[in-house]
């Protein structure tokens, strides 16, 4: 008879067939090596260019990614906090000394 049929009829004990299988558990990483989601995206999404613009250190900046052909050459990214849903274009030559929507990346 088939094994499953024997189990249904109660002729075979289920516990006798169970075998312990050792499973390799993933090693625990230290908290220092863990990346936040923002830090992880910063390592994967490579910007087209770098700038000393004040918006570059803001959490709201969505930079132009490397290999993008669409935006003009002077745009470094878009601000996700100003003029939602139509994001504010941030050009490299704009002088911004202070912004009401600025949130420093390093403080988080």
PDB file of N, CA and C in Angstrom:
ATOM      1  N   UNK A   1       0.842  -1.190   0.000  1.00  0.00           N
ATOM      2  CA  UNK A   1       0.000   0.000   0.000  1.00  0.00           C
ATOM      3  C   UNK A   1       0.876   1.239   0.000  1.00  0.00           C
ATOM      4  N   UNK A   2       0.302   2.318  -0.481  1.00  0.00           N
ATOM      5  CA  UNK A   2       1.029   3.583  -0.491  1.00  0.00           C
ATOM      6  C   UNK A   2       1.078   4.150   0.920  1.00  0.00           C
ATOM      7  N   UNK A   3       2.126   4.942   1.184  1.00  0.00           N
ATOM      8  CA  UNK A   3       2.328   5.483   2.530  1.00  0.00           C
ATOM      9  C   UNK A   3       1.185   6.388   2.966  1.00  0.00           C
ATOM     10  N   UNK A   4       0.718   7.237   2.074  1.00  0.00           N
ATOM     11  CA  UNK A   4      -0.339   8.169   2.472  1.00  0.00           C
ATOM     12  C   UNK A   4      -1.635   7.429   2.775  1.00  0.00           C
ATOM     13  N   UNK A   5      -1.875   6.304   2.055  1.00  0.00           N
ATOM     14  CA  UNK A   5      -3.081   5.517   2.292  1.00  0.00           C
ATOM     15  C   UNK A   5      -3.002   4.824   3.650  1.00  0.00           C
ATOM     16  N   UNK A   6      -1.789   4.365   4.002  1.00  0.00           N
ATOM     17  CA  UNK A   6      -1.595   3.738   5.311  1.00  0.00           C
ATOM     18  C   UNK A   6      -1.826   4.753   6.430  1.00  0.00           C
ATOM     19  N   UNK A   7      -1.379   5.993   6.192  1.00  0.00           N
ATOM     20  CA  UNK A   7      -1.587   7.042   7.206  1.00  0.00           C
ATOM     21  C   UNK A   7      -3.070   7.326   7.392  1.00  0.00           C
ATOM     22  N   UNK A   8      -3.804   7.397   6.290  1.00  0.00           N
ATOM     23  CA  UNK A   8      -5.235   7.674   6.357  1.00  0.00           C
ATOM     24  C   UNK A   8      -5.961   6.574   7.128  1.00  0.00           C
ATOM     25  N   UNK A   9      -5.585   5.343   6.901  1.00  0.00           N
ATOM     26  CA  UNK A   9      -6.220   4.230   7.587  1.00  0.00           C
ATOM     27  C   UNK A   9      -5.723   4.058   9.018  1.00  0.00           C
ATOM     28  N   UNK A  10      -4.634   4.755   9.340  1.00  0.00           N
ATOM     29  CA  UNK A  10      -4.091   4.657  10.689  1.00  0.00           C
ATOM     30  C   UNK A  10      -3.185   3.468  10.875  1.00  0.00           C
ATOM     31  N   UNK A  11      -2.723   2.862   9.809  1.00  0.00           N
ATOM     32  CA  UNK A  11      -1.858   1.699   9.893  1.00  0.00           C
ATOM     33  C   UNK A  11      -0.398   2.068  10.144  1.00  0.00           C
ATOM     34  N   UNK A  12      -0.054   3.319   9.866  1.00  0.00           N
ATOM     35  CA  UNK A  12       1.337   3.741  10.030  1.00  0.00           C
ATOM     36  C   UNK A  12       1.383   5.001  10.877  1.00  0.00           C
ATOM     37  N   UNK A  13       2.305   5.051  11.762  1.00  0.00           N
ATOM     38  CA  UNK A  13       2.442   6.203  12.649  1.00  0.00           C
ATOM     39  C   UNK A  13       3.217   7.307  11.929  1.00  0.00           C
ATOM     40  N   UNK A  14       2.671   8.479  11.969  1.00  0.00           N
ATOM     41  CA  UNK A  14       3.301   9.614  11.292  1.00  0.00           C
ATOM     42  C   UNK A  14       4.620   9.978  11.965  1.00  0.00           C
ATOM     43  N   UNK A  15       4.692   9.842  13.262  1.00  0.00           N
ATOM     44  CA  UNK A  15       5.878  10.247  14.004  1.00  0.00           C
ATOM     45  C   UNK A  15       7.107   9.421  13.632  1.00  0.00           C
ATOM     46  N   UNK A  16       6.921   8.185  13.176  1.00  0.00           N
ATOM     47  CA  UNK A  16       8.068   7.351  12.841  1.00  0.00           C
ATOM     48  C   UNK A  16       8.786   7.837  11.591  1.00  0.00           C
ATOM     49  N   UNK A  17       8.058   8.524  10.714  1.00  0.00           N
ATOM     50  CA  UNK A  17       8.662   8.987   9.474  1.00  0.00           C
ATOM     51  C   UNK A  17       9.348  10.335   9.597  1.00  0.00           C
ATOM     52  N   UNK A  18       8.996  11.082  10.615  1.00  0.00           N
ATOM     53  CA  UNK A  18       9.587  12.417  10.759  1.00  0.00           C
ATOM     54  C   UNK A  18      11.067  12.293  11.067  1.00  0.00           C
ATOM     55  N   UNK A  19      11.833  13.029  10.339  1.00  0.00           N
ATOM     56  CA  UNK A  19      13.271  13.054  10.560  1.00  0.00           C
ATOM     57  C   UNK A  19      13.670  14.490  10.841  1.00  0.00           C
ATOM     58  N   UNK A  20      14.627  14.632  11.717  1.00  0.00           N
ATOM     59  CA  UNK A  20      15.104  15.976  12.021  1.00  0.00           C
ATOM     60  C   UNK A  20      16.095  16.400  10.953  1.00  0.00           C
ATOM     61  N   UNK A  21      15.824  17.545  10.405  1.00  0.00           N
ATOM     62  CA  UNK A  21      16.689  18.086   9.370  1.00  0.00           C
ATOM     63  C   UNK A  21      17.356  19.331   9.933  1.00  0.00           C
ATOM     64  N   UNK A  22      18.671  19.346   9.840  1.00  0.00           N
ATOM     65  CA  UNK A  22      19.393  20.516  10.331  1.00  0.00           C
ATOM     66  C   UNK A  22      19.361  21.602   9.268  1.00  0.00           C
ATOM     67  N   UNK A  23      18.959  22.774   9.703  1.00  0.00           N
ATOM     68  CA  UNK A  23      18.879  23.910   8.791  1.00  0.00           C
ATOM     69  C   UNK A  23      19.924  24.920   9.212  1.00  0.00           C
ATOM     70  N   UNK A  24      20.704  25.359   8.239  1.00  0.00           N
ATOM     71  CA  UNK A  24      21.696  26.386   8.539  1.00  0.00           C
ATOM     72  C   UNK A  24      20.994  27.706   8.763  1.00  0.00           C
ATOM     73  N   UNK A  25      21.152  28.239   9.947  1.00  0.00           N
ATOM     74  CA  UNK A  25      20.550  29.530  10.252  1.00  0.00           C
ATOM     75  C   UNK A  25      21.485  30.631   9.775  1.00  0.00           C
ATOM     76  N   UNK A  26      20.921  31.707   9.246  1.00  0.00           N
ATOM     77  CA  UNK A  26      21.789  32.807   8.807  1.00  0.00           C
ATOM     78  C   UNK A  26      22.495  33.421  10.008  1.00  0.00           C
ATOM     79  N   UNK A  27      23.711  33.811   9.779  1.00  0.00           N
ATOM     80  CA  UNK A  27      24.489  34.421  10.856  1.00  0.00           C
ATOM     81  C   UNK A  27      23.941  35.797  11.170  1.00  0.00           C
ATOM     82  N   UNK A  28      23.930  36.097  12.448  1.00  0.00           N
ATOM     83  CA  UNK A  28      23.456  37.414  12.857  1.00  0.00           C
ATOM     84  C   UNK A  28      24.533  38.447  12.562  1.00  0.00           C
ATOM     85  N   UNK A  29      24.102  39.529  11.969  1.00  0.00           N
ATOM     86  CA  UNK A  29      25.036  40.610  11.669  1.00  0.00           C
ATOM     87  C   UNK A  29      25.022  41.604  12.803  1.00  0.00           C
ATOM     88  N   UNK A  30      26.127  42.261  12.972  1.00  0.00           N
ATOM     89  CA  UNK A  30      26.166  43.282  14.006  1.00  0.00           C
ATOM     90  C   UNK A  30      25.367  44.497  13.538  1.00  0.00           C
ATOM     91  N   UNK A  31      24.912  45.281  14.486  1.00  0.00           N
ATOM     92  CA  UNK A  31      24.104  46.449  14.153  1.00  0.00           C
ATOM     93  C   UNK A  31      24.897  47.486  13.370  1.00  0.00           C
ATOM     94  N   UNK A  32      26.207  47.456  13.524  1.00  0.00           N
ATOM     95  CA  UNK A  32      27.035  48.429  12.815  1.00  0.00           C
ATOM     96  C   UNK A  32      27.059  48.157  11.310  1.00  0.00           C
ATOM     97  N   UNK A  33      26.939  46.891  10.928  1.00  0.00           N
ATOM     98  CA  UNK A  33      26.993  46.568   9.505  1.00  0.00           C
ATOM     99  C   UNK A  33      25.623  46.692   8.831  1.00  0.00           C
ATOM    100  N   UNK A  34      24.553  46.840   9.601  1.00  0.00           N
ATOM    101  CA  UNK A  34      23.219  46.985   9.036  1.00  0.00           C
ATOM    102  C   UNK A  34      23.065  48.366   8.409  1.00  0.00           C
ATOM    103  N   UNK A  35      22.457  48.414   7.259  1.00  0.00           N
ATOM    104  CA  UNK A  35      22.211  49.679   6.571  1.00  0.00           C
ATOM    105  C   UNK A  35      20.735  50.043   6.692  1.00  0.00           C
ATOM    106  N   UNK A  36      20.476  51.316   6.823  1.00  0.00           N
ATOM    107  CA  UNK A  36      19.096  51.782   6.792  1.00  0.00           C
ATOM    108  C   UNK A  36      18.634  51.746   5.333  1.00  0.00           C
ATOM    109  N   UNK A  37      17.341  51.782   5.091  1.00  0.00           N
ATOM    110  CA  UNK A  37      16.874  51.779   3.694  1.00  0.00           C
ATOM    111  C   UNK A  37      17.430  52.947   2.880  1.00  0.00           C
ATOM    112  N   UNK A  38      17.553  54.108   3.505  1.00  0.00           N
ATOM    113  CA  UNK A  38      18.094  55.264   2.787  1.00  0.00           C
ATOM    114  C   UNK A  38      19.559  55.064   2.432  1.00  0.00           C
ATOM    115  N   UNK A  39      20.347  54.500   3.367  1.00  0.00           N
ATOM    116  CA  UNK A  39      21.760  54.259   3.103  1.00  0.00           C
ATOM    117  C   UNK A  39      21.932  53.193   2.019  1.00  0.00           C
ATOM    118  N   UNK A  40      21.063  52.191   2.021  1.00  0.00           N
ATOM    119  CA  UNK A  40      21.118  51.147   1.008  1.00  0.00           C
ATOM    120  C   UNK A  40      20.839  51.716  -0.378  1.00  0.00           C
ATOM    121  N   UNK A  41      19.822  52.565  -0.492  1.00  0.00           N
ATOM    122  CA  UNK A  41      19.503  53.170  -1.784  1.00  0.00           C
ATOM    123  C   UNK A  41      20.619  54.093  -2.258  1.00  0.00           C
ATOM    124  N   UNK A  42      21.293  54.754  -1.301  1.00  0.00           N
ATOM    125  CA  UNK A  42      22.415  55.617  -1.684  1.00  0.00           C
ATOM    126  C   UNK A  42      23.558  54.816  -2.294  1.00  0.00           C
ATOM    127  N   UNK A  43      23.701  53.556  -1.897  1.00  0.00           N
ATOM    128  CA  UNK A  43      24.775  52.734  -2.459  1.00  0.00           C
ATOM    129  C   UNK A  43      24.407  52.173  -3.826  1.00  0.00           C
ATOM    130  N   UNK A  44      23.111  52.012  -4.096  1.00  0.00           N
ATOM    131  CA  UNK A  44      22.675  51.420  -5.361  1.00  0.00           C
ATOM    132  C   UNK A  44      22.374  52.472  -6.424  1.00  0.00           C
ATOM    133  N   UNK A  45      21.631  53.498  -6.054  1.00  0.00           N
ATOM    134  CA  UNK A  45      21.236  54.535  -7.000  1.00  0.00           C
ATOM    135  C   UNK A  45      22.348  55.571  -7.103  1.00  0.00           C
ATOM    136  N   UNK A  46      23.147  55.468  -8.124  1.00  0.00           N
ATOM    137  CA  UNK A  46      24.309  56.343  -8.293  1.00  0.00           C
ATOM    138  C   UNK A  46      23.885  57.603  -9.045  1.00  0.00           C
ATOM    139  N   UNK A  47      24.113  58.784  -8.440  1.00  0.00           N
ATOM    140  CA  UNK A  47      23.732  60.026  -9.118  1.00  0.00           C
ATOM    141  C   UNK A  47      24.649  60.340 -10.298  1.00  0.00           C
ATOM    142  N   UNK A  48      24.118  61.124 -11.230  1.00  0.00           N
ATOM    143  CA  UNK A  48      24.866  61.505 -12.431  1.00  0.00           C
ATOM    144  C   UNK A  48      26.083  62.360 -12.075  1.00  0.00           C
ATOM    145  N   UNK A  49      25.880  63.308 -11.164  1.00  0.00           N
ATOM    146  CA  UNK A  49      27.005  64.159 -10.757  1.00  0.00           C
ATOM    147  C   UNK A  49      26.845  64.563  -9.303  1.00  0.00           C
ATOM    148  N   UNK A  50      27.914  65.041  -8.730  1.00  0.00           N
ATOM    149  CA  UNK A  50      27.922  65.487  -7.337  1.00  0.00           C
ATOM    150  C   UNK A  50      27.984  67.006  -7.309  1.00  0.00           C
ATOM    151  N   UNK A  51      27.500  67.584  -6.215  1.00  0.00           N
ATOM    152  CA  UNK A  51      27.468  69.046  -6.134  1.00  0.00           C
ATOM    153  C   UNK A  51      27.615  69.483  -4.685  1.00  0.00           C
ATOM    154  N   UNK A  52      28.009  70.734  -4.493  1.00  0.00           N
ATOM    155  CA  UNK A  52      28.068  71.292  -3.144  1.00  0.00           C
ATOM    156  C   UNK A  52      26.802  72.105  -2.837  1.00  0.00           C
ATOM    157  N   UNK A  53      25.782  71.910  -3.623  1.00  0.00           N
ATOM    158  CA  UNK A  53      24.494  72.582  -3.444  1.00  0.00           C
ATOM    159  C   UNK A  53      23.901  72.187  -2.095  1.00  0.00           C
ATOM    160  N   UNK A  54      23.177  73.106  -1.429  1.00  0.00           N
ATOM    161  CA  UNK A  54      22.590  72.821  -0.125  1.00  0.00           C
ATOM    162  C   UNK A  54      21.586  71.667  -0.195  1.00  0.00           C
ATOM    163  N   UNK A  55      20.903  71.529  -1.307  1.00  0.00           N
ATOM    164  CA  UNK A  55      19.907  70.461  -1.477  1.00  0.00           C
ATOM    165  C   UNK A  55      20.546  69.070  -1.524  1.00  0.00           C
ATOM    166  N   UNK A  56      21.825  68.996  -1.822  1.00  0.00           N
ATOM    167  CA  UNK A  56      22.505  67.712  -1.920  1.00  0.00           C
ATOM    168  C   UNK A  56      22.502  66.972  -0.579  1.00  0.00           C
ATOM    169  N   UNK A  57      22.454  67.698   0.535  1.00  0.00           N
ATOM    170  CA  UNK A  57      22.453  67.098   1.865  1.00  0.00           C
ATOM    171  C   UNK A  57      21.051  66.961   2.443  1.00  0.00           C
ATOM    172  N   UNK A  58      20.036  67.154   1.628  1.00  0.00           N
ATOM    173  CA  UNK A  58      18.648  67.103   2.083  1.00  0.00           C
ATOM    174  C   UNK A  58      18.043  65.728   1.798  1.00  0.00           C
ATOM    175  N   UNK A  59      17.163  65.277   2.683  1.00  0.00           N
ATOM    176  CA  UNK A  59      16.493  63.992   2.476  1.00  0.00           C
ATOM    177  C   UNK A  59      15.484  64.058   1.334  1.00  0.00           C
ATOM    178  N   UNK A  60      15.024  65.244   0.995  1.00  0.00           N
ATOM    179  CA  UNK A  60      14.007  65.399  -0.043  1.00  0.00           C
ATOM    180  C   UNK A  60      14.532  65.417  -1.458  1.00  0.00           C
ATOM    181  N   UNK A  61      15.843  65.436  -1.647  1.00  0.00           N
ATOM    182  CA  UNK A  61      16.393  65.491  -3.004  1.00  0.00           C
ATOM    183  C   UNK A  61      16.342  64.125  -3.679  1.00  0.00           C
ATOM    184  N   UNK A  62      15.784  64.115  -4.859  1.00  0.00           N
ATOM    185  CA  UNK A  62      15.782  62.914  -5.704  1.00  0.00           C
ATOM    186  C   UNK A  62      16.758  63.204  -6.829  1.00  0.00           C
ATOM    187  N   UNK A  63      17.986  62.667  -6.752  1.00  0.00           N
ATOM    188  CA  UNK A  63      19.003  63.038  -7.740  1.00  0.00           C
ATOM    189  C   UNK A  63      18.753  62.402  -9.110  1.00  0.00           C
ATOM    190  N   UNK A  64      19.314  63.040 -10.124  1.00  0.00           N
ATOM    191  CA  UNK A  64      19.293  62.484 -11.479  1.00  0.00           C
ATOM    192  C   UNK A  64      20.239  61.283 -11.469  1.00  0.00           C
ATOM    193  N   UNK A  65      19.761  60.133 -11.916  1.00  0.00           N
ATOM    194  CA  UNK A  65      20.562  58.915 -11.872  1.00  0.00           C
ATOM    195  C   UNK A  65      21.529  58.843 -13.042  1.00  0.00           C
ATOM    196  N   UNK A  66      22.610  58.132 -12.821  1.00  0.00           N
ATOM    197  CA  UNK A  66      23.641  57.978 -13.836  1.00  0.00           C
ATOM    198  C   UNK A  66      23.069  57.268 -15.058  1.00  0.00           C
ATOM    199  N   UNK A  67      23.346  57.789 -16.217  1.00  0.00           N
ATOM    200  CA  UNK A  67      22.864  57.208 -17.457  1.00  0.00           C
ATOM    201  C   UNK A  67      21.526  57.763 -17.921  1.00  0.00           C
ATOM    202  N   UNK A  68      20.926  58.689 -17.152  1.00  0.00           N
ATOM    203  CA  UNK A  68      19.651  59.285 -17.564  1.00  0.00           C
ATOM    204  C   UNK A  68      19.893  60.239 -18.720  1.00  0.00           C
ATOM    205  N   UNK A  69      19.033  60.211 -19.699  1.00  0.00           N
ATOM    206  CA  UNK A  69      19.177  61.065 -20.873  1.00  0.00           C
ATOM    207  C   UNK A  69      18.174  62.214 -20.881  1.00  0.00           C
ATOM    208  N   UNK A  70      17.134  62.125 -20.061  1.00  0.00           N
ATOM    209  CA  UNK A  70      16.047  63.088 -20.135  1.00  0.00           C
ATOM    210  C   UNK A  70      16.348  64.481 -19.584  1.00  0.00           C
ATOM    211  N   UNK A  71      16.822  64.633 -18.351  1.00  0.00           N
ATOM    212  CA  UNK A  71      16.909  65.992 -17.793  1.00  0.00           C
ATOM    213  C   UNK A  71      18.009  66.819 -18.444  1.00  0.00           C
ATOM    214  N   UNK A  72      17.830  68.139 -18.440  1.00  0.00           N
ATOM    215  CA  UNK A  72      18.894  69.016 -18.941  1.00  0.00           C
ATOM    216  C   UNK A  72      20.168  68.850 -18.112  1.00  0.00           C
ATOM    217  N   UNK A  73      21.277  69.269 -18.666  1.00  0.00           N
ATOM    218  CA  UNK A  73      22.578  69.043 -18.042  1.00  0.00           C
ATOM    219  C   UNK A  73      22.758  69.775 -16.717  1.00  0.00           C
ATOM    220  N   UNK A  74      22.061  70.894 -16.504  1.00  0.00           N
ATOM    221  CA  UNK A  74      22.287  71.668 -15.291  1.00  0.00           C
ATOM    222  C   UNK A  74      21.452  71.182 -14.098  1.00  0.00           C
ATOM    223  N   UNK A  75      20.507  70.299 -14.305  1.00  0.00           N
ATOM    224  CA  UNK A  75      19.652  69.830 -13.204  1.00  0.00           C
ATOM    225  C   UNK A  75      20.352  68.709 -12.449  1.00  0.00           C
ATOM    226  N   UNK A  76      20.450  68.862 -11.123  1.00  0.00           N
ATOM    227  CA  UNK A  76      21.055  67.821 -10.294  1.00  0.00           C
ATOM    228  C   UNK A  76      20.001  66.898  -9.696  1.00  0.00           C
ATOM    229  N   UNK A  77      18.737  67.340  -9.681  1.00  0.00           N
ATOM    230  CA  UNK A  77      17.687  66.488  -9.135  1.00  0.00           C
ATOM    231  C   UNK A  77      16.388  67.248  -8.950  1.00  0.00           C
ATOM    232  N   UNK A  78      15.477  66.631  -8.196  1.00  0.00           N
ATOM    233  CA  UNK A  78      14.173  67.225  -7.903  1.00  0.00           C
ATOM    234  C   UNK A  78      13.934  67.174  -6.413  1.00  0.00           C
ATOM    235  N   UNK A  79      13.266  68.198  -5.905  1.00  0.00           N
ATOM    236  CA  UNK A  79      12.903  68.218  -4.493  1.00  0.00           C
ATOM    237  C   UNK A  79      11.540  67.553  -4.345  1.00  0.00           C
ATOM    238  N   UNK A  80      11.460  66.542  -3.489  1.00  0.00           N
ATOM    239  CA  UNK A  80      10.215  65.810  -3.302  1.00  0.00           C
ATOM    240  C   UNK A  80       9.289  66.490  -2.286  1.00  0.00           C
ATOM    241  N   UNK A  81       9.745  67.579  -1.674  1.00  0.00           N
ATOM    242  CA  UNK A  81       8.937  68.232  -0.644  1.00  0.00           C
ATOM    243  C   UNK A  81       8.288  69.529  -1.101  1.00  0.00           C
ATOM    244  N   UNK A  82       8.850  70.165  -2.100  1.00  0.00           N
ATOM    245  CA  UNK A  82       8.321  71.445  -2.564  1.00  0.00           C
ATOM    246  C   UNK A  82       7.502  71.230  -3.835  1.00  0.00           C
ATOM    247  N   UNK A  83       6.337  71.863  -3.889  1.00  0.00           N
ATOM    248  CA  UNK A  83       5.438  71.824  -5.044  1.00  0.00           C
ATOM    249  C   UNK A  83       4.976  70.408  -5.384  1.00  0.00           C
ATOM    250  N   UNK A  84       4.583  69.656  -4.371  1.00  0.00           N
ATOM    251  CA  UNK A  84       4.054  68.322  -4.620  1.00  0.00           C
ATOM    252  C   UNK A  84       2.750  68.455  -5.374  1.00  0.00           C
ATOM    253  N   UNK A  85       2.372  67.711  -6.317  1.00  0.00           N
ATOM    254  CA  UNK A  85       2.982  66.513  -6.899  1.00  0.00           C
ATOM    255  C   UNK A  85       3.949  66.825  -8.034  1.00  0.00           C
ATOM    256  N   UNK A  86       4.069  68.081  -8.435  1.00  0.00           N
ATOM    257  CA  UNK A  86       5.018  68.438  -9.494  1.00  0.00           C
ATOM    258  C   UNK A  86       6.288  68.921  -8.817  1.00  0.00           C
ATOM    259  N   UNK A  87       7.279  68.064  -8.776  1.00  0.00           N
ATOM    260  CA  UNK A  87       8.492  68.335  -8.010  1.00  0.00           C
ATOM    261  C   UNK A  87       9.265  69.530  -8.548  1.00  0.00           C
ATOM    262  N   UNK A  88       9.904  70.226  -7.640  1.00  0.00           N
ATOM    263  CA  UNK A  88      10.714  71.391  -7.944  1.00  0.00           C
ATOM    264  C   UNK A  88      12.051  70.928  -8.514  1.00  0.00           C
ATOM    265  N   UNK A  89      12.408  71.394  -9.699  1.00  0.00           N
ATOM    266  CA  UNK A  89      13.696  71.045 -10.303  1.00  0.00           C
ATOM    267  C   UNK A  89      14.795  71.833  -9.619  1.00  0.00           C
ATOM    268  N   UNK A  90      15.876  71.149  -9.263  1.00  0.00           N
ATOM    269  CA  UNK A  90      17.004  71.790  -8.603  1.00  0.00           C
ATOM    270  C   UNK A  90      18.156  71.837  -9.589  1.00  0.00           C
ATOM    271  N   UNK A  91      18.525  73.057  -9.958  1.00  0.00           N
ATOM    272  CA  UNK A  91      19.655  73.246 -10.877  1.00  0.00           C
ATOM    273  C   UNK A  91      20.911  73.535 -10.080  1.00  0.00           C
ATOM    274  N   UNK A  92      22.043  73.188 -10.632  1.00  0.00           N
ATOM    275  CA  UNK A  92      23.320  73.365  -9.939  1.00  0.00           C
ATOM    276  C   UNK A  92      23.680  74.835  -9.781  1.00  0.00           C
ATOM    277  N   UNK A  93      23.240  75.670 -10.700  1.00  0.00           N
ATOM    278  CA  UNK A  93      23.636  77.082 -10.645  1.00  0.00           C
ATOM    279  C   UNK A  93      22.728  77.930  -9.752  1.00  0.00           C
ATOM    280  N   UNK A  94      21.601  77.396  -9.268  1.00  0.00           N
ATOM    281  CA  UNK A  94      20.735  78.153  -8.361  1.00  0.00           C
ATOM    282  C   UNK A  94      21.406  78.296  -6.999  1.00  0.00           C
ATOM    283  N   UNK A  95      21.413  79.507  -6.481  1.00  0.00           N
ATOM    284  CA  UNK A  95      22.000  79.751  -5.171  1.00  0.00           C
ATOM    285  C   UNK A  95      20.891  79.708  -4.132  1.00  0.00           C
ATOM    286  N   UNK A  96      20.940  78.704  -3.273  1.00  0.00           N
ATOM    287  CA  UNK A  96      19.955  78.553  -2.204  1.00  0.00           C
ATOM    288  C   UNK A  96      20.713  78.596  -0.893  1.00  0.00           C
ATOM    289  N   UNK A  97      20.394  79.599  -0.069  1.00  0.00           N
ATOM    290  CA  UNK A  97      21.078  79.732   1.215  1.00  0.00           C
ATOM    291  C   UNK A  97      20.296  79.067   2.336  1.00  0.00           C
ATOM    292  N   UNK A  98      18.971  79.100   2.232  1.00  0.00           N
ATOM    293  CA  UNK A  98      18.141  78.518   3.269  1.00  0.00           C
ATOM    294  C   UNK A  98      16.853  78.008   2.629  1.00  0.00           C
ATOM    295  N   UNK A  99      16.346  76.884   3.116  1.00  0.00           N
ATOM    296  CA  UNK A  99      15.131  76.299   2.561  1.00  0.00           C
ATOM    297  C   UNK A  99      14.221  75.871   3.706  1.00  0.00           C
ATOM    298  N   UNK A 100      12.928  76.173   3.600  1.00  0.00           N
ATOM    299  CA  UNK A 100      12.000  75.819   4.669  1.00  0.00           C
ATOM    300  C   UNK A 100      11.737  74.314   4.735  1.00  0.00           C
ATOM    301  N   UNK A 101      11.984  73.587   3.654  1.00  0.00           N
ATOM    302  CA  UNK A 101      11.716  72.152   3.616  1.00  0.00           C
ATOM    303  C   UNK A 101      12.975  71.312   3.839  1.00  0.00           C
ATOM    304  N   UNK A 102      14.102  71.956   4.162  1.00  0.00           N
ATOM    305  CA  UNK A 102      15.378  71.247   4.294  1.00  0.00           C
ATOM    306  C   UNK A 102      15.387  70.352   5.536  1.00  0.00           C
ATOM    307  N   UNK A 103      15.760  69.079   5.327  1.00  0.00           N
ATOM    308  CA  UNK A 103      15.995  68.139   6.426  1.00  0.00           C
ATOM    309  C   UNK A 103      17.323  67.462   6.154  1.00  0.00           C
ATOM    310  N   UNK A 104      18.250  67.590   7.094  1.00  0.00           N
ATOM    311  CA  UNK A 104      19.594  67.056   6.908  1.00  0.00           C
ATOM    312  C   UNK A 104      19.581  65.540   6.915  1.00  0.00           C
ATOM    313  N   UNK A 105      20.287  64.925   5.973  1.00  0.00           N
ATOM    314  CA  UNK A 105      20.385  63.460   5.898  1.00  0.00           C
ATOM    315  C   UNK A 105      21.124  62.903   7.102  1.00  0.00           C
ATOM    316  N   UNK A 106      22.100  63.630   7.587  1.00  0.00           N
ATOM    317  CA  UNK A 106      22.957  63.129   8.643  1.00  0.00           C
ATOM    318  C   UNK A 106      22.289  63.094  10.012  1.00  0.00           C
ATOM    319  N   UNK A 107      21.230  63.869  10.203  1.00  0.00           N
ATOM    320  CA  UNK A 107      20.565  63.907  11.511  1.00  0.00           C
ATOM    321  C   UNK A 107      19.713  62.683  11.769  1.00  0.00           C
ATOM    322  N   UNK A 108      19.287  61.988  10.723  1.00  0.00           N
ATOM    323  CA  UNK A 108      18.424  60.811  10.911  1.00  0.00           C
ATOM    324  C   UNK A 108      19.157  59.625  11.354  1.00  0.00           C
TER     325      UNK A 108
END
